[in-house]
Amino acid sequence: NLRHEIELGNFREDLYHRLSVIVVRVPTLKERAEDIPALT
């Protein structure tokens, strides 16, 4: 969680804003369990 890392002083906020122009969140396998048969 980069926002949390920013609060801890571990990540630059200005870099975060430069990187997150487009954000793509990849779901966990649990969130897409219906895909397990095809993946298997």
Full PDB file with SEQRES, HELIX, SHEET, SSBOND, CRYST1, ORIGX, SCALE, CONECT and MASTER records, all heavy atoms in Angstrom:
SEQRES   1 A   40  ASN LEU ARG HIS GLU ILE GLU LEU GLY ASN PHE ARG GLU          
SEQRES   2 A   40  ASP LEU TYR HIS ARG LEU SER VAL ILE VAL VAL ARG VAL          
SEQRES   3 A   40  PRO THR LEU LYS GLU ARG ALA GLU ASP ILE PRO ALA LEU          
SEQRES   4 A   40  THR                                                          
HELIX    1 AA1 LEU A    2  GLU A    7  1                                   6    
HELIX    2 AA2 GLU A   13  LEU A   19  1                                   7    
HELIX    3 AA3 LYS A   30  ASP A   35  5                                   6    
HELIX    4 AA4 ILE A   36  LEU A   39  1                                   4    
CRYST1    1.000    1.000    1.000  90.00  90.00  90.00 P 1           1          
ORIGX1      1.000000  0.000000  0.000000        0.00000                         
ORIGX2      0.000000  1.000000  0.000000        0.00000                         
ORIGX3      0.000000  0.000000  1.000000        0.00000                         
SCALE1      1.000000  0.000000  0.000000        0.00000                         
SCALE2      0.000000  1.000000  0.000000        0.00000                         
SCALE3      0.000000  0.000000  1.000000        0.00000                         
ATOM      1  N   ASN A   1       0.870  -1.172   0.000  1.00  0.00           N  
ATOM      2  CA  ASN A   1       0.000   0.000   0.000  1.00  0.00           C  
ATOM      3  C   ASN A   1       0.911   1.228   0.000  1.00  0.00           C  
ATOM      4  O   ASN A   1       1.441   1.616   1.044  1.00  0.00           O  
ATOM      5  CB  ASN A   1      -0.907  -0.015   1.230  1.00  0.00           C  
ATOM      6  CG  ASN A   1      -1.879   1.153   1.244  1.00  0.00           C  
ATOM      7  OD1 ASN A   1      -1.629   2.207   0.660  1.00  0.00           O  
ATOM      8  ND2 ASN A   1      -2.998   0.987   1.930  1.00  0.00           N  
ATOM      9  N   LEU A   2       1.114   1.828  -1.171  1.00  0.00           N  
ATOM     10  CA  LEU A   2       2.082   2.913  -1.278  1.00  0.00           C  
ATOM     11  C   LEU A   2       1.660   4.151  -0.489  1.00  0.00           C  
ATOM     12  O   LEU A   2       2.517   4.895  -0.006  1.00  0.00           O  
ATOM     13  CB  LEU A   2       2.321   3.273  -2.746  1.00  0.00           C  
ATOM     14  CG  LEU A   2       3.056   2.213  -3.574  1.00  0.00           C  
ATOM     15  CD1 LEU A   2       3.397   2.763  -4.950  1.00  0.00           C  
ATOM     16  CD2 LEU A   2       4.323   1.728  -2.864  1.00  0.00           C  
ATOM     17  N   ARG A   3       0.367   4.372  -0.344  1.00  0.00           N  
ATOM     18  CA  ARG A   3      -0.073   5.516   0.468  1.00  0.00           C  
ATOM     19  C   ARG A   3       0.368   5.321   1.923  1.00  0.00           C  
ATOM     20  O   ARG A   3       0.778   6.280   2.594  1.00  0.00           O  
ATOM     21  CB  ARG A   3      -1.588   5.683   0.373  1.00  0.00           C  
ATOM     22  CG  ARG A   3      -2.058   6.172  -1.007  1.00  0.00           C  
ATOM     23  CD  ARG A   3      -3.520   6.556  -0.973  1.00  0.00           C  
ATOM     24  NE  ARG A   3      -3.970   7.041  -2.263  1.00  0.00           N  
ATOM     25  CZ  ARG A   3      -3.831   8.299  -2.676  1.00  0.00           C  
ATOM     26  NH1 ARG A   3      -3.215   9.184  -1.893  1.00  0.00           N  
ATOM     27  NH2 ARG A   3      -4.286   8.674  -3.856  1.00  0.00           N  
ATOM     28  N   HIS A   4       0.279   4.095   2.397  1.00  0.00           N  
ATOM     29  CA  HIS A   4       0.741   3.802   3.759  1.00  0.00           C  
ATOM     30  C   HIS A   4       2.256   3.947   3.843  1.00  0.00           C  
ATOM     31  O   HIS A   4       2.788   4.471   4.842  1.00  0.00           O  
ATOM     32  CB  HIS A   4       0.316   2.393   4.162  1.00  0.00           C  
ATOM     33  CG  HIS A   4       0.715   2.012   5.553  1.00  0.00           C  
ATOM     34  ND1 HIS A   4       0.328   2.715   6.666  1.00  0.00           N  
ATOM     35  CD2 HIS A   4       1.491   0.983   6.009  1.00  0.00           C  
ATOM     36  CE1 HIS A   4       0.826   2.166   7.757  1.00  0.00           C  
ATOM     37  NE2 HIS A   4       1.539   1.113   7.385  1.00  0.00           N  
ATOM     38  N   GLU A   5       2.966   3.503   2.807  1.00  0.00           N  
ATOM     39  CA  GLU A   5       4.421   3.634   2.780  1.00  0.00           C  
ATOM     40  C   GLU A   5       4.839   5.105   2.761  1.00  0.00           C  
ATOM     41  O   GLU A   5       5.870   5.476   3.336  1.00  0.00           O  
ATOM     42  CB  GLU A   5       4.997   2.907   1.561  1.00  0.00           C  
ATOM     43  CG  GLU A   5       4.824   1.396   1.589  1.00  0.00           C  
ATOM     44  CD  GLU A   5       5.504   0.745   2.781  1.00  0.00           C  
ATOM     45  OE1 GLU A   5       6.696   1.042   3.012  1.00  0.00           O  
ATOM     46  OE2 GLU A   5       4.841  -0.029   3.485  1.00  0.00           O  
ATOM     47  N   ILE A   6       4.040   5.952   2.115  1.00  0.00           N  
ATOM     48  CA  ILE A   6       4.314   7.401   2.116  1.00  0.00           C  
ATOM     49  C   ILE A   6       4.203   7.943   3.539  1.00  0.00           C  
ATOM     50  O   ILE A   6       5.048   8.726   3.997  1.00  0.00           O  
ATOM     51  CB  ILE A   6       3.337   8.130   1.167  1.00  0.00           C  
ATOM     52  CG1 ILE A   6       3.651   7.771  -0.293  1.00  0.00           C  
ATOM     53  CG2 ILE A   6       3.419   9.648   1.365  1.00  0.00           C  
ATOM     54  CD1 ILE A   6       2.578   8.213  -1.269  1.00  0.00           C  
ATOM     55  N   GLU A   7       3.164   7.528   4.256  1.00  0.00           N  
ATOM     56  CA  GLU A   7       2.966   7.972   5.635  1.00  0.00           C  
ATOM     57  C   GLU A   7       4.122   7.534   6.530  1.00  0.00           C  
ATOM     58  O   GLU A   7       4.512   8.258   7.458  1.00  0.00           O  
ATOM     59  CB  GLU A   7       1.648   7.424   6.188  1.00  0.00           C  
ATOM     60  CG  GLU A   7       0.409   8.010   5.524  1.00  0.00           C  
ATOM     61  CD  GLU A   7      -0.864   7.332   6.003  1.00  0.00           C  
ATOM     62  OE1 GLU A   7      -0.759   6.433   6.873  1.00  0.00           O  
ATOM     63  OE2 GLU A   7      -1.951   7.707   5.522  1.00  0.00           O  
ATOM     64  N   LEU A   8       4.690   6.374   6.243  1.00  0.00           N  
ATOM     65  CA  LEU A   8       5.811   5.865   7.031  1.00  0.00           C  
ATOM     66  C   LEU A   8       7.136   6.488   6.623  1.00  0.00           C  
ATOM     67  O   LEU A   8       8.160   6.267   7.285  1.00  0.00           O  
ATOM     68  CB  LEU A   8       5.908   4.336   6.879  1.00  0.00           C  
ATOM     69  CG  LEU A   8       4.738   3.511   7.420  1.00  0.00           C  
ATOM     70  CD1 LEU A   8       4.943   2.039   7.096  1.00  0.00           C  
ATOM     71  CD2 LEU A   8       4.589   3.710   8.925  1.00  0.00           C  
ATOM     72  N   GLY A   9       7.132   7.257   5.527  1.00  0.00           N  
ATOM     73  CA  GLY A   9       8.365   7.881   5.048  1.00  0.00           C  
ATOM     74  C   GLY A   9       9.217   6.973   4.198  1.00  0.00           C  
ATOM     75  O   GLY A   9      10.397   7.268   3.947  1.00  0.00           O  
ATOM     76  N   ASN A  10       8.637   5.876   3.719  1.00  0.00           N  
ATOM     77  CA  ASN A  10       9.397   4.903   2.923  1.00  0.00           C  
ATOM     78  C   ASN A  10       9.257   5.118   1.419  1.00  0.00           C  
ATOM     79  O   ASN A  10      10.001   4.502   0.644  1.00  0.00           O  
ATOM     80  CB  ASN A  10       8.944   3.478   3.253  1.00  0.00           C  
ATOM     81  CG  ASN A  10       9.212   3.106   4.691  1.00  0.00           C  
ATOM     82  OD1 ASN A  10      10.160   3.607   5.305  1.00  0.00           O  
ATOM     83  ND2 ASN A  10       8.382   2.242   5.254  1.00  0.00           N  
ATOM     84  N   PHE A  11       8.292   5.946   1.024  1.00  0.00           N  
ATOM     85  CA  PHE A  11       8.071   6.154  -0.409  1.00  0.00           C  
ATOM     86  C   PHE A  11       7.759   7.614  -0.666  1.00  0.00           C  
ATOM     87  O   PHE A  11       7.041   8.258   0.095  1.00  0.00           O  
ATOM     88  CB  PHE A  11       6.927   5.271  -0.928  1.00  0.00           C  
ATOM     89  CG  PHE A  11       6.984   5.020  -2.403  1.00  0.00           C  
ATOM     90  CD1 PHE A  11       7.793   4.034  -2.921  1.00  0.00           C  
ATOM     91  CD2 PHE A  11       6.235   5.801  -3.285  1.00  0.00           C  
ATOM     92  CE1 PHE A  11       7.859   3.813  -4.294  1.00  0.00           C  
ATOM     93  CE2 PHE A  11       6.297   5.579  -4.642  1.00  0.00           C  
ATOM     94  CZ  PHE A  11       7.113   4.586  -5.149  1.00  0.00           C  
ATOM     95  N   ARG A  12       8.304   8.136  -1.760  1.00  0.00           N  
ATOM     96  CA  ARG A  12       8.116   9.544  -2.110  1.00  0.00           C  
ATOM     97  C   ARG A  12       6.708   9.781  -2.664  1.00  0.00           C  
ATOM     98  O   ARG A  12       6.286   9.089  -3.603  1.00  0.00           O  
ATOM     99  CB  ARG A  12       9.145   9.982  -3.144  1.00  0.00           C  
ATOM    100  CG  ARG A  12      10.583   9.951  -2.660  1.00  0.00           C  
ATOM    101  CD  ARG A  12      11.499  10.403  -3.767  1.00  0.00           C  
ATOM    102  NE  ARG A  12      11.206  11.776  -4.158  1.00  0.00           N  
ATOM    103  CZ  ARG A  12      12.024  12.808  -3.928  1.00  0.00           C  
ATOM    104  NH1 ARG A  12      13.170  12.626  -3.297  1.00  0.00           N  
ATOM    105  NH2 ARG A  12      11.691  14.030  -4.337  1.00  0.00           N  
ATOM    106  N   GLU A  13       6.029  10.762  -2.109  1.00  0.00           N  
ATOM    107  CA  GLU A  13       4.675  11.060  -2.562  1.00  0.00           C  
ATOM    108  C   GLU A  13       4.674  11.586  -3.986  1.00  0.00           C  
ATOM    109  O   GLU A  13       3.791  11.253  -4.786  1.00  0.00           O  
ATOM    110  CB  GLU A  13       4.016  12.076  -1.626  1.00  0.00           C  
ATOM    111  CG  GLU A  13       2.553  12.335  -1.964  1.00  0.00           C  
ATOM    112  CD  GLU A  13       1.859  13.201  -0.932  1.00  0.00           C  
ATOM    113  OE1 GLU A  13       2.547  13.751  -0.047  1.00  0.00           O  
ATOM    114  OE2 GLU A  13       0.613  13.323  -1.015  1.00  0.00           O  
ATOM    115  N   ASP A  14       5.696  12.421  -4.334  1.00  0.00           N  
ATOM    116  CA  ASP A  14       5.744  12.973  -5.694  1.00  0.00           C  
ATOM    117  C   ASP A  14       5.973  11.876  -6.730  1.00  0.00           C  
ATOM    118  O   ASP A  14       5.401  11.911  -7.828  1.00  0.00           O  
ATOM    119  CB  ASP A  14       6.803  14.067  -5.816  1.00  0.00           C  
ATOM    120  CG  ASP A  14       8.135  13.703  -5.162  1.00  0.00           C  
ATOM    121  OD1 ASP A  14       8.301  12.548  -4.727  1.00  0.00           O  
ATOM    122  OD2 ASP A  14       9.010  14.584  -5.090  1.00  0.00           O  
ATOM    123  N   LEU A  15       6.747  10.853  -6.373  1.00  0.00           N  
ATOM    124  CA  LEU A  15       6.940   9.734  -7.293  1.00  0.00           C  
ATOM    125  C   LEU A  15       5.655   8.933  -7.433  1.00  0.00           C  
ATOM    126  O   LEU A  15       5.299   8.493  -8.535  1.00  0.00           O  
ATOM    127  CB  LEU A  15       8.078   8.831  -6.812  1.00  0.00           C  
ATOM    128  CG  LEU A  15       8.338   7.573  -7.656  1.00  0.00           C  
ATOM    129  CD1 LEU A  15       8.634   7.930  -9.106  1.00  0.00           C  
ATOM    130  CD2 LEU A  15       9.479   6.752  -7.063  1.00  0.00           C  
ATOM    131  N   TYR A  16       4.954   8.756  -6.326  1.00  0.00           N  
ATOM    132  CA  TYR A  16       3.674   8.025  -6.373  1.00  0.00           C  
ATOM    133  C   TYR A  16       2.718   8.683  -7.367  1.00  0.00           C  
ATOM    134  O   TYR A  16       2.085   7.991  -8.185  1.00  0.00           O  
ATOM    135  CB  TYR A  16       3.041   7.979  -4.987  1.00  0.00           C  
ATOM    136  CG  TYR A  16       1.628   7.427  -4.991  1.00  0.00           C  
ATOM    137  CD1 TYR A  16       1.401   6.063  -5.124  1.00  0.00           C  
ATOM    138  CD2 TYR A  16       0.536   8.285  -4.910  1.00  0.00           C  
ATOM    139  CE1 TYR A  16       0.105   5.557  -5.154  1.00  0.00           C  
ATOM    140  CE2 TYR A  16      -0.758   7.785  -4.929  1.00  0.00           C  
ATOM    141  CZ  TYR A  16      -0.967   6.429  -5.054  1.00  0.00           C  
ATOM    142  OH  TYR A  16      -2.250   5.932  -5.103  1.00  0.00           O  
ATOM    143  N   HIS A  17       2.611  10.002  -7.303  1.00  0.00           N  
ATOM    144  CA  HIS A  17       1.688  10.695  -8.205  1.00  0.00           C  
ATOM    145  C   HIS A  17       2.148  10.596  -9.656  1.00  0.00           C  
ATOM    146  O   HIS A  17       1.316  10.543 -10.571  1.00  0.00           O  
ATOM    147  CB  HIS A  17       1.548  12.157  -7.781  1.00  0.00           C  
ATOM    148  CG  HIS A  17       0.822  12.332  -6.475  1.00  0.00           C  
ATOM    149  ND1 HIS A  17      -0.436  11.809  -6.249  1.00  0.00           N  
ATOM    150  CD2 HIS A  17       1.193  12.935  -5.309  1.00  0.00           C  
ATOM    151  CE1 HIS A  17      -0.824  12.093  -5.018  1.00  0.00           C  
ATOM    152  NE2 HIS A  17       0.145  12.770  -4.430  1.00  0.00           N  
ATOM    153  N   ARG A  18       3.463  10.558  -9.872  1.00  0.00           N  
ATOM    154  CA  ARG A  18       3.982  10.392 -11.236  1.00  0.00           C  
ATOM    155  C   ARG A  18       3.682   9.007 -11.791  1.00  0.00           C  
ATOM    156  O   ARG A  18       3.395   8.840 -12.972  1.00  0.00           O  
ATOM    157  CB  ARG A  18       5.498  10.617 -11.239  1.00  0.00           C  
ATOM    158  CG  ARG A  18       5.904  12.064 -11.278  1.00  0.00           C  
ATOM    159  CD  ARG A  18       5.739  12.630 -12.670  1.00  0.00           C  
ATOM    160  NE  ARG A  18       6.020  14.063 -12.714  1.00  0.00           N  
ATOM    161  CZ  ARG A  18       5.978  14.782 -13.825  1.00  0.00           C  
ATOM    162  NH1 ARG A  18       5.654  14.204 -14.972  1.00  0.00           N  
ATOM    163  NH2 ARG A  18       6.230  16.067 -13.798  1.00  0.00           N  
ATOM    164  N   LEU A  19       3.743   8.012 -10.925  1.00  0.00           N  
ATOM    165  CA  LEU A  19       3.542   6.629 -11.367  1.00  0.00           C  
ATOM    166  C   LEU A  19       2.074   6.285 -11.557  1.00  0.00           C  
ATOM    167  O   LEU A  19       1.720   5.488 -12.426  1.00  0.00           O  
ATOM    168  CB  LEU A  19       4.147   5.658 -10.343  1.00  0.00           C  
ATOM    169  CG  LEU A  19       5.660   5.633 -10.205  1.00  0.00           C  
ATOM    170  CD1 LEU A  19       6.058   4.774  -9.016  1.00  0.00           C  
ATOM    171  CD2 LEU A  19       6.317   5.118 -11.478  1.00  0.00           C  
ATOM    172  N   SER A  20       1.211   6.872 -10.742  1.00  0.00           N  
ATOM    173  CA  SER A  20      -0.192   6.440 -10.695  1.00  0.00           C  
ATOM    174  C   SER A  20      -1.105   7.242 -11.624  1.00  0.00           C  
ATOM    175  O   SER A  20      -2.260   7.471 -11.303  1.00  0.00           O  
ATOM    176  CB  SER A  20      -0.715   6.523  -9.257  1.00  0.00           C  
ATOM    177  OG  SER A  20      -0.616   7.849  -8.756  1.00  0.00           O  
ATOM    178  N   VAL A  21      -0.570   7.634 -12.779  1.00  0.00           N  
ATOM    179  CA  VAL A  21      -1.418   8.294 -13.779  1.00  0.00           C  
ATOM    180  C   VAL A  21      -2.543   7.345 -14.187  1.00  0.00           C  
ATOM    181  O   VAL A  21      -3.712   7.725 -14.270  1.00  0.00           O  
ATOM    182  CB  VAL A  21      -0.579   8.712 -15.011  1.00  0.00           C  
ATOM    183  CG1 VAL A  21      -1.480   9.302 -16.100  1.00  0.00           C  
ATOM    184  CG2 VAL A  21       0.495   9.719 -14.602  1.00  0.00           C  
ATOM    185  N   ILE A  22      -2.174   6.090 -14.431  1.00  0.00           N  
ATOM    186  CA  ILE A  22      -3.163   5.030 -14.662  1.00  0.00           C  
ATOM    187  C   ILE A  22      -2.883   3.934 -13.634  1.00  0.00           C  
ATOM    188  O   ILE A  22      -1.737   3.494 -13.491  1.00  0.00           O  
ATOM    189  CB  ILE A  22      -3.058   4.451 -16.084  1.00  0.00           C  
ATOM    190  CG1 ILE A  22      -3.324   5.528 -17.141  1.00  0.00           C  
ATOM    191  CG2 ILE A  22      -4.024   3.284 -16.275  1.00  0.00           C  
ATOM    192  CD1 ILE A  22      -3.087   5.070 -18.564  1.00  0.00           C  
ATOM    193  N   VAL A  23      -3.899   3.515 -12.915  1.00  0.00           N  
ATOM    194  CA  VAL A  23      -3.746   2.461 -11.909  1.00  0.00           C  
ATOM    195  C   VAL A  23      -4.554   1.240 -12.343  1.00  0.00           C  
ATOM    196  O   VAL A  23      -5.738   1.348 -12.661  1.00  0.00           O  
ATOM    197  CB  VAL A  23      -4.213   2.931 -10.514  1.00  0.00           C  
ATOM    198  CG1 VAL A  23      -4.081   1.792  -9.501  1.00  0.00           C  
ATOM    199  CG2 VAL A  23      -3.402   4.146 -10.057  1.00  0.00           C  
ATOM    200  N   VAL A  24      -3.908   0.099 -12.363  1.00  0.00           N  
ATOM    201  CA  VAL A  24      -4.577  -1.166 -12.681  1.00  0.00           C  
ATOM    202  C   VAL A  24      -4.445  -2.072 -11.456  1.00  0.00           C  
ATOM    203  O   VAL A  24      -3.328  -2.416 -11.057  1.00  0.00           O  
ATOM    204  CB  VAL A  24      -3.955  -1.859 -13.908  1.00  0.00           C  
ATOM    205  CG1 VAL A  24      -4.687  -3.168 -14.209  1.00  0.00           C  
ATOM    206  CG2 VAL A  24      -3.977  -0.945 -15.118  1.00  0.00           C  
ATOM    207  N   ARG A  25      -5.567  -2.432 -10.867  1.00  0.00           N  
ATOM    208  CA  ARG A  25      -5.546  -3.339  -9.718  1.00  0.00           C  
ATOM    209  C   ARG A  25      -5.830  -4.758 -10.199  1.00  0.00           C  
ATOM    210  O   ARG A  25      -6.855  -5.017 -10.821  1.00  0.00           O  
ATOM    211  CB  ARG A  25      -6.588  -2.927  -8.674  1.00  0.00           C  
ATOM    212  CG  ARG A  25      -6.597  -3.868  -7.470  1.00  0.00           C  
ATOM    213  CD  ARG A  25      -7.724  -3.547  -6.508  1.00  0.00           C  
ATOM    214  NE  ARG A  25      -7.825  -4.583  -5.486  1.00  0.00           N  
ATOM    215  CZ  ARG A  25      -8.505  -5.710  -5.618  1.00  0.00           C  
ATOM    216  NH1 ARG A  25      -9.177  -5.957  -6.744  1.00  0.00           N  
ATOM    217  NH2 ARG A  25      -8.539  -6.606  -4.644  1.00  0.00           N  
ATOM    218  N   VAL A  26      -4.908  -5.661  -9.893  1.00  0.00           N  
ATOM    219  CA  VAL A  26      -5.068  -7.065 -10.287  1.00  0.00           C  
ATOM    220  C   VAL A  26      -5.736  -7.816  -9.135  1.00  0.00           C  
ATOM    221  O   VAL A  26      -5.241  -7.795  -8.008  1.00  0.00           O  
ATOM    222  CB  VAL A  26      -3.707  -7.707 -10.620  1.00  0.00           C  
ATOM    223  CG1 VAL A  26      -3.909  -9.123 -11.159  1.00  0.00           C  
ATOM    224  CG2 VAL A  26      -2.962  -6.863 -11.642  1.00  0.00           C  
ATOM    225  N   PRO A  27      -6.862  -8.478  -9.375  1.00  0.00           N  
ATOM    226  CA  PRO A  27      -7.597  -9.143  -8.290  1.00  0.00           C  
ATOM    227  C   PRO A  27      -6.875 -10.380  -7.775  1.00  0.00           C  
ATOM    228  O   PRO A  27      -6.076 -10.997  -8.478  1.00  0.00           O  
ATOM    229  CB  PRO A  27      -8.926  -9.521  -8.953  1.00  0.00           C  
ATOM    230  CG  PRO A  27      -8.572  -9.697 -10.394  1.00  0.00           C  
ATOM    231  CD  PRO A  27      -7.526  -8.655 -10.686  1.00  0.00           C  
ATOM    232  N   THR A  28      -7.193 -10.744  -6.551  1.00  0.00           N  
ATOM    233  CA  THR A  28      -6.691 -11.998  -5.997  1.00  0.00           C  
ATOM    234  C   THR A  28      -7.410 -13.164  -6.676  1.00  0.00           C  
ATOM    235  O   THR A  28      -8.468 -12.984  -7.287  1.00  0.00           O  
ATOM    236  CB  THR A  28      -6.958 -12.067  -4.484  1.00  0.00           C  
ATOM    237  OG1 THR A  28      -8.383 -12.058  -4.271  1.00  0.00           O  
ATOM    238  CG2 THR A  28      -6.329 -10.889  -3.758  1.00  0.00           C  
ATOM    239  N   LEU A  29      -6.845 -14.352  -6.539  1.00  0.00           N  
ATOM    240  CA  LEU A  29      -7.493 -15.525  -7.123  1.00  0.00           C  
ATOM    241  C   LEU A  29      -8.822 -15.797  -6.429  1.00  0.00           C  
ATOM    242  O   LEU A  29      -9.778 -16.253  -7.065  1.00  0.00           O  
ATOM    243  CB  LEU A  29      -6.573 -16.744  -7.017  1.00  0.00           C  
ATOM    244  CG  LEU A  29      -7.071 -18.029  -7.683  1.00  0.00           C  
ATOM    245  CD1 LEU A  29      -7.405 -17.802  -9.149  1.00  0.00           C  
ATOM    246  CD2 LEU A  29      -6.046 -19.140  -7.538  1.00  0.00           C  
ATOM    247  N   LYS A  30      -8.910 -15.481  -5.149  1.00  0.00           N  
ATOM    248  CA  LYS A  30     -10.156 -15.679  -4.411  1.00  0.00           C  
ATOM    249  C   LYS A  30     -11.265 -14.812  -4.999  1.00  0.00           C  
ATOM    250  O   LYS A  30     -12.432 -15.213  -5.033  1.00  0.00           O  
ATOM    251  CB  LYS A  30      -9.947 -15.346  -2.935  1.00  0.00           C  
ATOM    252  CG  LYS A  30     -11.156 -15.632  -2.058  1.00  0.00           C  
ATOM    253  CD  LYS A  30     -10.863 -15.321  -0.607  1.00  0.00           C  
ATOM    254  CE  LYS A  30     -12.078 -15.556   0.259  1.00  0.00           C  
ATOM    255  NZ  LYS A  30     -11.815 -15.245   1.684  1.00  0.00           N  
ATOM    256  N   GLU A  31     -10.917 -13.619  -5.476  1.00  0.00           N  
ATOM    257  CA  GLU A  31     -11.901 -12.715  -6.062  1.00  0.00           C  
ATOM    258  C   GLU A  31     -12.364 -13.185  -7.434  1.00  0.00           C  
ATOM    259  O   GLU A  31     -13.394 -12.730  -7.928  1.00  0.00           O  
ATOM    260  CB  GLU A  31     -11.316 -11.306  -6.175  1.00  0.00           C  
ATOM    261  CG  GLU A  31     -11.089 -10.611  -4.853  1.00  0.00           C  
ATOM    262  CD  GLU A  31     -10.408  -9.272  -5.033  1.00  0.00           C  
ATOM    263  OE1 GLU A  31      -9.166  -9.239  -5.116  1.00  0.00           O  
ATOM    264  OE2 GLU A  31     -11.120  -8.247  -5.109  1.00  0.00           O  
ATOM    265  N   ARG A  32     -11.589 -14.042  -8.064  1.00  0.00           N  
ATOM    266  CA  ARG A  32     -11.956 -14.544  -9.387  1.00  0.00           C  
ATOM    267  C   ARG A  32     -11.953 -16.073  -9.395  1.00  0.00           C  
ATOM    268  O   ARG A  32     -11.477 -16.724 -10.330  1.00  0.00           O  
ATOM    269  CB  ARG A  32     -10.996 -13.995 -10.444  1.00  0.00           C  
ATOM    270  CG  ARG A  32      -9.522 -14.087 -10.074  1.00  0.00           C  
ATOM    271  CD  ARG A  32      -8.594 -13.590 -11.140  1.00  0.00           C  
ATOM    272  NE  ARG A  32      -8.724 -14.299 -12.375  1.00  0.00           N  
ATOM    273  CZ  ARG A  32      -7.725 -14.499 -13.246  1.00  0.00           C  
ATOM    274  NH1 ARG A  32      -6.531 -14.042 -12.997  1.00  0.00           N  
ATOM    275  NH2 ARG A  32      -7.934 -15.151 -14.364  1.00  0.00           N  
ATOM    276  N   ALA A  33     -12.526 -16.653  -8.327  1.00  0.00           N  
ATOM    277  CA  ALA A  33     -12.512 -18.108  -8.157  1.00  0.00           C  
ATOM    278  C   ALA A  33     -13.180 -18.839  -9.317  1.00  0.00           C  
ATOM    279  O   ALA A  33     -12.836 -19.983  -9.616  1.00  0.00           O  
ATOM    280  CB  ALA A  33     -13.187 -18.487  -6.841  1.00  0.00           C  
ATOM    281  N   GLU A  34     -14.121 -18.185  -9.991  1.00  0.00           N  
ATOM    282  CA  GLU A  34     -14.794 -18.843 -11.112  1.00  0.00           C  
ATOM    283  C   GLU A  34     -13.854 -19.105 -12.285  1.00  0.00           C  
ATOM    284  O   GLU A  34     -14.183 -19.875 -13.199  1.00  0.00           O  
ATOM    285  CB  GLU A  34     -15.985 -18.002 -11.576  1.00  0.00           C  
ATOM    286  CG  GLU A  34     -15.621 -16.640 -12.129  1.00  0.00           C  
ATOM    287  CD  GLU A  34     -16.792 -15.677 -12.107  1.00  0.00           C  
ATOM    288  OE1 GLU A  34     -17.529 -15.642 -13.101  1.00  0.00           O  
ATOM    289  OE2 GLU A  34     -16.945 -14.962 -11.109  1.00  0.00           O  
ATOM    290  N   ASP A  35     -12.670 -18.484 -12.262  1.00  0.00           N  
ATOM    291  CA  ASP A  35     -11.681 -18.715 -13.327  1.00  0.00           C  
ATOM    292  C   ASP A  35     -10.774 -19.902 -13.036  1.00  0.00           C  
ATOM    293  O   ASP A  35      -9.969 -20.282 -13.892  1.00  0.00           O  
ATOM    294  CB  ASP A  35     -10.807 -17.465 -13.517  1.00  0.00           C  
ATOM    295  CG  ASP A  35     -11.591 -16.276 -14.054  1.00  0.00           C  
ATOM    296  OD1 ASP A  35     -12.608 -16.512 -14.733  1.00  0.00           O  
ATOM    297  OD2 ASP A  35     -11.187 -15.132 -13.801  1.00  0.00           O  
ATOM    298  N   ILE A  36     -10.873 -20.478 -11.839  1.00  0.00           N  
ATOM    299  CA  ILE A  36      -9.974 -21.573 -11.460  1.00  0.00           C  
ATOM    300  C   ILE A  36     -10.059 -22.764 -12.421  1.00  0.00           C  
ATOM    301  O   ILE A  36      -9.023 -23.324 -12.794  1.00  0.00           O  
ATOM    302  CB  ILE A  36     -10.230 -22.004  -9.993  1.00  0.00           C  
ATOM    303  CG1 ILE A  36      -9.711 -20.912  -9.052  1.00  0.00           C  
ATOM    304  CG2 ILE A  36      -9.557 -23.347  -9.682  1.00  0.00           C  
ATOM    305  CD1 ILE A  36      -9.991 -21.172  -7.586  1.00  0.00           C  
ATOM    306  N   PRO A  37     -11.262 -23.199 -12.876  1.00  0.00           N  
ATOM    307  CA  PRO A  37     -11.293 -24.321 -13.824  1.00  0.00           C  
ATOM    308  C   PRO A  37     -10.508 -24.050 -15.113  1.00  0.00           C  
ATOM    309  O   PRO A  37      -9.737 -24.906 -15.566  1.00  0.00           O  
ATOM    310  CB  PRO A  37     -12.794 -24.485 -14.114  1.00  0.00           C  
ATOM    311  CG  PRO A  37     -13.452 -23.989 -12.864  1.00  0.00           C  
ATOM    312  CD  PRO A  37     -12.613 -22.832 -12.417  1.00  0.00           C  
ATOM    313  N   ALA A  38     -10.683 -22.863 -15.696  1.00  0.00           N  
ATOM    314  CA  ALA A  38      -9.964 -22.537 -16.931  1.00  0.00           C  
ATOM    315  C   ALA A  38      -8.458 -22.455 -16.689  1.00  0.00           C  
ATOM    316  O   ALA A  38      -7.653 -22.951 -17.493  1.00  0.00           O  
ATOM    317  CB  ALA A  38     -10.472 -21.210 -17.503  1.00  0.00           C  
ATOM    318  N   LEU A  39      -8.057 -21.835 -15.581  1.00  0.00           N  
ATOM    319  CA  LEU A  39      -6.637 -21.731 -15.252  1.00  0.00           C  
ATOM    320  C   LEU A  39      -6.035 -23.109 -15.000  1.00  0.00           C  
ATOM    321  O   LEU A  39      -4.922 -23.409 -15.449  1.00  0.00           O  
ATOM    322  CB  LEU A  39      -6.454 -20.853 -14.013  1.00  0.00           C  
ATOM    323  CG  LEU A  39      -6.706 -19.356 -14.212  1.00  0.00           C  
ATOM    324  CD1 LEU A  39      -6.874 -18.662 -12.864  1.00  0.00           C  
ATOM    325  CD2 LEU A  39      -5.577 -18.715 -14.999  1.00  0.00           C  
ATOM    326  N   THR A  40      -6.782 -23.972 -14.303  1.00  0.00           N  
ATOM    327  CA  THR A  40      -6.283 -25.310 -14.006  1.00  0.00           C  
ATOM    328  C   THR A  40      -6.071 -26.114 -15.282  1.00  0.00           C  
ATOM    329  O   THR A  40      -5.023 -26.761 -15.468  1.00  0.00           O  
ATOM    330  CB  THR A  40      -7.271 -26.053 -13.073  1.00  0.00           C  
ATOM    331  OG1 THR A  40      -7.403 -25.315 -11.853  1.00  0.00           O  
ATOM    332  CG2 THR A  40      -6.776 -27.452 -12.762  1.00  0.00           C  
TER     333      THR A  40                                                      
MASTER        0    0    0    4    0    0    0    6  332    1    0    4          
END                                                                             
